[in-house]
Amino acid sequence: MSRLVPRHQTSTNQPFFVLSWVLCGIALVLLIGRCYAAWKLLGRHRADLYLAITTFAIGVASMVMLTLGTAQGLGQHMSNLAPRQAYLAIMYGWINLALALIAIGLGKIAVVGFIISIQGYSVYDPWRSVFLWFLVGTTMVVNTIEVVLFFTQCRPIQKLFDVSQQVDVCPGTIIVEKFGIFQTSWSGFCDFTLALYPAVLFWNVHALSRLKRLGISLLFGLGVTATVLAALKGWKIPLILNITDATCELSSQIAIGTTRTEMWIVLIVGCLAPTMPLFRVLSQKTSVLFHVFRAQLKTHIHSSNT
């Protein structure tokens, strides 16, 4: 049995690891706020909420794989790892990527579900809904195909995780690279469309105040970040061909956004607008407390002077 390298060489203090858990924490807080707003404040819960919860659950499963992989050496150079560590790090890394791609697809479906539910403020156009469902539906299909390609690129599959068995790149890896470029392009187009669509949809809806229209547009506009991340991922895809330092390059893929950042950004953006009722309640309560505090302070100062 191979001797494992010292613990400090497989530390989880990797930048991509810390950032991923920070974004996970932000997503959790917003998701809890969204659930509270839906169940306690509005008294209704739609399918998009349950899709968001499912997305978060899969995202957490992906984070578990990332944690296990990082503990084994994901992000380290293979020369610093024992063969067994490298095998496990690569295996957990690929499973992490697969789960995150599924979460990204579900997260976008949840966003569209929410947009469709609030389209009542505008002149309803069924073709808009058809277009949005087509967009996220095809994104989910494309992401699923990419996941299948991940685990069929090498035969037997163990060769994908044990690079010592690979004399050269697995034949299917070229397909993963080419299809991955298409997948990132389509995913980026989907992110960009979902970021701009609410602004186009609600900007001329006079039933909403200008401030609310601006707020909704800005909240969803943050989704442009996911577009940038998808583009960066496409640029980094060829690195997965590097089988000489797979543990390091695979973590580079994760860090730039295939999965980690893009996955959480999609969920965070999707939870911001539905959580607004809670933000308004908290803002009102904070304002009341501030006025009470100011009144008490004035009373205290007045009594001190007299």
Protein backbone atom coordinates (compact mmCIF):
# COMPACT_ATOMS: atom_id res chain seq x y z
CA MET A 1 0.00 0.00 0.00
CA SER A 2 1.35 3.40 -0.98
CA ARG A 3 2.42 5.66 1.83
CA LEU A 4 0.44 8.90 1.91
CA VAL A 5 2.29 12.19 1.83
CA PRO A 6 2.24 14.45 4.93
CA ARG A 7 -1.05 16.12 5.80
CA HIS A 8 0.20 19.65 5.17
CA GLN A 9 0.81 18.76 1.52
CA THR A 10 -2.88 18.02 1.03
CA SER A 11 -4.23 20.99 2.98
CA THR A 12 -7.72 22.24 2.22
CA ASN A 13 -6.48 25.84 2.37
CA GLN A 14 -6.51 25.97 -1.42
CA PRO A 15 -7.94 29.27 -2.80
CA PHE A 16 -10.50 27.51 -5.01
CA PHE A 17 -11.63 25.43 -2.01
CA VAL A 18 -12.09 28.38 0.35
CA LEU A 19 -13.92 30.46 -2.28
CA SER A 20 -16.26 27.57 -3.05
CA TRP A 21 -17.33 27.18 0.57
CA VAL A 22 -17.77 30.95 1.01
CA LEU A 23 -20.11 31.05 -1.99
CA CYS A 24 -21.89 27.96 -0.64
CA GLY A 25 -22.49 29.79 2.65
CA ILE A 26 -23.89 32.85 0.86
CA ALA A 27 -26.18 30.63 -1.21
CA LEU A 28 -27.40 28.86 1.95
CA VAL A 29 -28.27 32.15 3.68
CA LEU A 30 -30.18 33.41 0.65
CA LEU A 31 -31.96 30.09 0.17
CA ILE A 32 -33.11 30.10 3.81
CA GLY A 33 -34.32 33.67 3.32
CA ARG A 34 -36.14 32.66 0.15
CA CYS A 35 -37.85 29.75 1.93
CA TYR A 36 -38.90 32.01 4.82
CA ALA A 37 -40.25 34.64 2.43
CA ALA A 38 -42.23 32.05 0.48
CA TRP A 39 -43.64 30.08 3.40
CA LYS A 40 -44.06 32.71 6.14
CA LEU A 41 -44.42 36.08 4.43
CA LEU A 42 -46.14 35.24 1.14
CA GLY A 43 -47.79 31.98 2.19
CA ARG A 44 -47.14 30.29 -1.12
CA HIS A 45 -44.43 28.11 -2.58
CA ARG A 46 -44.00 27.22 -6.22
CA ALA A 47 -42.06 24.61 -8.12
CA ASP A 48 -39.13 27.00 -8.69
CA LEU A 49 -38.49 27.06 -4.92
CA TYR A 50 -38.21 23.27 -4.76
CA LEU A 51 -35.96 23.32 -7.82
CA ALA A 52 -33.70 25.81 -6.04
CA ILE A 53 -33.61 23.55 -2.95
CA THR A 54 -32.74 20.55 -5.15
CA THR A 55 -30.03 22.59 -6.87
CA PHE A 56 -28.52 23.48 -3.50
CA ALA A 57 -28.61 19.84 -2.35
CA ILE A 58 -26.75 18.70 -5.47
CA GLY A 59 -24.36 21.61 -5.05
CA VAL A 60 -23.58 20.50 -1.50
CA ALA A 61 -22.99 16.95 -2.75
CA SER A 62 -20.57 18.43 -5.27
CA MET A 63 -18.85 20.32 -2.45
CA VAL A 64 -18.48 17.10 -0.47
CA MET A 65 -16.69 15.57 -3.46
CA LEU A 66 -14.53 18.68 -3.73
CA THR A 67 -13.65 18.43 -0.04
CA LEU A 68 -12.72 14.75 -0.31
CA GLY A 69 -10.69 15.43 -3.44
CA THR A 70 -8.86 18.37 -1.90
CA ALA A 71 -8.06 16.31 1.20
CA GLN A 72 -6.46 13.71 -1.09
CA GLY A 73 -4.40 16.28 -2.98
CA LEU A 74 -6.61 17.97 -5.58
CA GLY A 75 -4.86 21.22 -6.40
CA GLN A 76 -1.42 19.77 -5.64
CA HIS A 77 1.12 18.69 -8.23
CA MET A 78 1.02 14.95 -8.87
CA SER A 79 4.72 14.67 -8.09
CA ASN A 80 3.86 15.48 -4.46
CA LEU A 81 1.23 12.73 -4.17
CA ALA A 82 1.26 9.00 -3.63
CA PRO A 83 -0.40 7.02 -6.47
CA ARG A 84 -3.46 6.19 -4.34
CA GLN A 85 -3.91 9.85 -3.39
CA ALA A 86 -3.68 10.95 -7.00
CA TYR A 87 -6.25 8.33 -8.03
CA LEU A 88 -8.75 9.42 -5.37
CA ALA A 89 -8.16 13.13 -5.98
CA ILE A 90 -8.84 12.77 -9.71
CA MET A 91 -11.88 10.55 -9.13
CA TYR A 92 -13.48 12.96 -6.64
CA GLY A 93 -12.61 15.87 -8.93
CA TRP A 94 -14.46 14.39 -11.91
CA ILE A 95 -17.50 13.45 -9.80
CA ASN A 96 -17.51 16.99 -8.43
CA LEU A 97 -17.51 18.44 -11.94
CA ALA A 98 -20.35 16.15 -13.03
CA LEU A 99 -22.58 17.02 -10.07
CA ALA A 100 -21.92 20.71 -10.49
CA LEU A 101 -22.89 20.66 -14.18
CA ILE A 102 -26.21 19.06 -13.23
CA ALA A 103 -26.70 21.69 -10.50
CA ILE A 104 -25.99 24.48 -12.99
CA GLY A 105 -28.66 23.14 -15.34
CA LEU A 106 -31.25 22.78 -12.57
CA GLY A 107 -30.40 26.23 -11.21
CA LYS A 108 -31.19 27.83 -14.56
CA ILE A 109 -34.48 25.93 -14.76
CA ALA A 110 -35.34 27.32 -11.30
CA VAL A 111 -34.55 30.86 -12.49
CA VAL A 112 -36.84 30.49 -15.50
CA GLY A 113 -39.56 29.03 -13.29
CA PHE A 114 -39.44 32.16 -11.14
CA ILE A 115 -39.39 34.51 -14.15
CA ILE A 116 -42.41 32.75 -15.66
CA SER A 117 -44.29 33.02 -12.36
CA ILE A 118 -43.88 36.81 -12.22
CA GLN A 119 -44.51 37.49 -15.90
CA GLY A 120 -48.08 38.30 -14.91
CA TYR A 121 -46.98 41.90 -14.42
CA SER A 122 -46.38 42.17 -18.14
CA VAL A 123 -48.33 41.46 -21.30
CA TYR A 124 -48.16 37.69 -21.40
CA ASP A 125 -46.56 36.28 -24.51
CA PRO A 126 -46.52 32.46 -24.62
CA TRP A 127 -43.64 32.49 -27.09
CA ARG A 128 -41.44 34.13 -24.48
CA SER A 129 -42.10 31.25 -22.14
CA VAL A 130 -41.48 28.71 -24.90
CA PHE A 131 -38.16 30.38 -25.70
CA LEU A 132 -37.04 30.42 -22.06
CA TRP A 133 -37.99 26.79 -21.45
CA PHE A 134 -36.25 25.78 -24.68
CA LEU A 135 -33.14 27.67 -23.60
CA VAL A 136 -32.79 26.08 -20.17
CA GLY A 137 -34.09 22.69 -21.33
CA THR A 138 -31.40 22.41 -23.99
CA THR A 139 -28.81 23.64 -21.51
CA MET A 140 -29.76 20.83 -19.14
CA VAL A 141 -29.57 18.29 -21.97
CA VAL A 142 -26.19 19.59 -23.14
CA ASN A 143 -24.81 19.52 -19.58
CA THR A 144 -26.06 15.96 -19.11
CA ILE A 145 -24.41 14.86 -22.35
CA GLU A 146 -21.15 16.42 -21.17
CA VAL A 147 -21.40 14.45 -17.92
CA VAL A 148 -21.90 11.21 -19.86
CA LEU A 149 -18.89 12.05 -22.01
CA PHE A 150 -16.82 12.66 -18.87
CA PHE A 151 -17.19 9.08 -17.71
CA THR A 152 -17.04 7.35 -21.09
CA GLN A 153 -13.91 9.04 -22.43
CA CYS A 154 -11.67 6.26 -21.07
CA ARG A 155 -12.26 2.53 -21.21
CA PRO A 156 -12.18 1.05 -18.69
CA ILE A 157 -13.27 4.02 -16.60
CA GLN A 158 -10.46 3.39 -14.10
CA LYS A 159 -8.03 4.78 -16.69
CA LEU A 160 -9.71 8.18 -16.25
CA PHE A 161 -8.61 8.26 -12.61
CA ASP A 162 -5.33 6.34 -12.88
CA VAL A 163 -3.23 8.34 -15.32
CA SER A 164 -0.35 5.87 -14.90
CA GLN A 165 -2.39 3.51 -17.13
CA GLN A 166 -2.63 6.12 -19.88
CA VAL A 167 0.13 5.90 -22.44
CA ASP A 168 -1.53 8.81 -24.19
CA VAL A 169 -4.72 10.82 -23.84
CA CYS A 170 -7.89 8.69 -23.82
CA PRO A 171 -9.61 8.73 -27.25
CA GLY A 172 -12.79 10.20 -25.80
CA THR A 173 -10.98 13.12 -24.20
CA ILE A 174 -10.81 14.93 -27.54
CA ILE A 175 -14.59 14.64 -27.80
CA VAL A 176 -14.94 15.97 -24.23
CA GLU A 177 -12.79 18.94 -25.18
CA LYS A 178 -14.67 19.77 -28.40
CA PHE A 179 -18.13 19.25 -26.93
CA GLY A 180 -17.07 21.10 -23.78
CA ILE A 181 -16.32 24.21 -25.83
CA PHE A 182 -19.82 24.03 -27.30
CA GLN A 183 -21.30 23.38 -23.85
CA THR A 184 -19.60 26.42 -22.32
CA SER A 185 -20.64 28.62 -25.25
CA TRP A 186 -24.28 27.55 -24.99
CA SER A 187 -24.24 27.86 -21.21
CA GLY A 188 -22.77 31.35 -21.48
CA PHE A 189 -25.44 32.38 -23.99
CA CYS A 190 -28.11 31.06 -21.61
CA ASP A 191 -26.61 32.98 -18.67
CA PHE A 192 -26.44 36.19 -20.71
CA THR A 193 -30.04 35.85 -21.90
CA LEU A 194 -31.38 35.14 -18.41
CA ALA A 195 -29.45 38.13 -17.07
CA LEU A 196 -30.88 40.58 -19.61
CA TYR A 197 -34.38 39.15 -20.06
CA PRO A 198 -35.88 40.54 -16.81
CA ALA A 199 -34.65 44.04 -17.66
CA VAL A 200 -36.30 43.88 -21.09
CA LEU A 201 -39.44 42.30 -19.63
CA PHE A 202 -40.09 44.63 -16.70
CA TRP A 203 -38.58 47.97 -17.69
CA ASN A 204 -41.78 49.20 -19.34
CA VAL A 205 -44.13 47.68 -16.76
CA HIS A 206 -45.56 50.78 -15.09
CA ALA A 207 -47.37 48.71 -12.44
CA LEU A 208 -43.97 48.52 -10.78
CA SER A 209 -42.10 51.57 -9.54
CA ARG A 210 -38.99 52.64 -11.40
CA LEU A 211 -36.92 51.70 -8.35
CA LYS A 212 -38.37 48.16 -8.28
CA ARG A 213 -37.81 47.75 -12.00
CA LEU A 214 -34.23 48.90 -11.62
CA GLY A 215 -33.71 46.59 -8.65
CA ILE A 216 -35.05 43.51 -10.47
CA SER A 217 -32.93 44.32 -13.51
CA LEU A 218 -29.78 44.73 -11.44
CA LEU A 219 -30.37 41.57 -9.42
CA PHE A 220 -30.74 39.38 -12.47
CA GLY A 221 -28.05 41.38 -14.25
CA LEU A 222 -25.54 39.90 -11.82
CA GLY A 223 -25.98 36.74 -13.88
CA VAL A 224 -23.66 38.28 -16.47
CA THR A 225 -20.91 37.16 -14.07
CA ALA A 226 -21.85 33.56 -14.84
CA THR A 227 -21.47 34.35 -18.55
CA VAL A 228 -17.91 35.55 -17.97
CA LEU A 229 -17.15 32.45 -15.92
CA ALA A 230 -18.49 30.18 -18.67
CA ALA A 231 -16.23 31.93 -21.18
CA LEU A 232 -13.21 31.47 -18.91
CA LYS A 233 -14.09 27.81 -18.51
CA GLY A 234 -14.11 27.35 -22.27
CA TRP A 235 -10.67 28.90 -22.45
CA LYS A 236 -9.32 26.48 -19.83
CA ILE A 237 -10.93 23.28 -21.20
CA PRO A 238 -7.83 22.18 -23.18
CA LEU A 239 -5.97 21.81 -19.87
CA ILE A 240 -7.89 18.61 -19.13
CA LEU A 241 -5.72 16.98 -21.81
CA ASN A 242 -2.74 17.40 -19.51
CA ILE A 243 -2.49 13.93 -17.97
CA THR A 244 0.99 14.56 -16.58
CA ASP A 245 -0.34 16.86 -13.83
CA ALA A 246 -4.04 16.02 -13.75
CA THR A 247 -4.63 16.81 -10.06
CA CYS A 248 -3.39 20.37 -10.50
CA GLU A 249 -5.04 21.08 -13.86
CA LEU A 250 -8.37 19.57 -12.83
CA SER A 251 -8.50 21.93 -9.86
CA SER A 252 -7.77 24.80 -12.25
CA GLN A 253 -10.90 23.83 -14.16
CA ILE A 254 -12.87 23.81 -10.92
CA ALA A 255 -11.47 27.14 -9.72
CA ILE A 256 -12.18 29.09 -12.89
CA GLY A 257 -15.81 28.26 -12.97
CA THR A 258 -17.00 25.17 -14.67
CA THR A 259 -18.68 24.38 -11.72
CA ARG A 260 -17.76 25.96 -8.54
CA THR A 261 -18.27 29.67 -9.03
CA GLU A 262 -20.73 29.44 -11.91
CA MET A 263 -22.88 26.95 -10.01
CA TRP A 264 -23.17 29.12 -6.91
CA ILE A 265 -23.57 32.38 -8.85
CA VAL A 266 -26.54 30.90 -10.74
CA LEU A 267 -28.18 29.85 -7.47
CA ILE A 268 -27.36 33.11 -5.67
CA VAL A 269 -28.77 35.26 -8.48
CA GLY A 270 -31.83 33.03 -8.65
CA CYS A 271 -32.49 33.54 -4.92
CA LEU A 272 -31.93 37.31 -4.70
CA ALA A 273 -35.17 38.52 -6.28
CA PRO A 274 -37.46 35.98 -4.53
CA THR A 275 -35.92 37.03 -1.19
CA MET A 276 -36.82 40.71 -1.66
CA PRO A 277 -40.01 40.50 0.50
CA LEU A 278 -37.84 39.44 3.44
CA PHE A 279 -35.35 42.22 2.73
CA ARG A 280 -38.20 44.76 2.77
CA VAL A 281 -39.49 43.47 6.12
CA LEU A 282 -36.00 43.58 7.62
CA SER A 283 -35.48 47.07 6.23
CA GLN A 284 -38.74 48.31 7.76
CA LYS A 285 -37.95 46.77 11.15
CA THR A 286 -34.45 48.21 11.07
CA SER A 287 -35.88 51.64 10.25
CA VAL A 288 -38.34 51.42 13.16
CA LEU A 289 -35.61 50.34 15.58
CA PHE A 290 -33.38 53.18 14.38
CA HIS A 291 -36.10 55.78 14.96
CA VAL A 292 -36.85 54.35 18.41
CA PHE A 293 -33.16 54.41 19.31
CA ARG A 294 -32.80 57.97 18.04
CA ALA A 295 -35.84 59.10 20.03
CA GLN A 296 -34.51 57.45 23.20
CA LEU A 297 -31.11 59.01 22.63
CA LYS A 298 -32.64 62.48 22.25
CA THR A 299 -34.67 61.93 25.43
CA HIS A 300 -31.55 60.83 27.30
CA ILE A 301 -29.55 63.84 26.10
CA HIS A 302 -32.38 66.22 26.98
CA SER A 303 -32.73 64.76 30.49
CA SER A 304 -28.96 64.95 31.00
CA ASN A 305 -28.91 68.63 30.05
CA THR A 306 -31.70 69.45 32.45
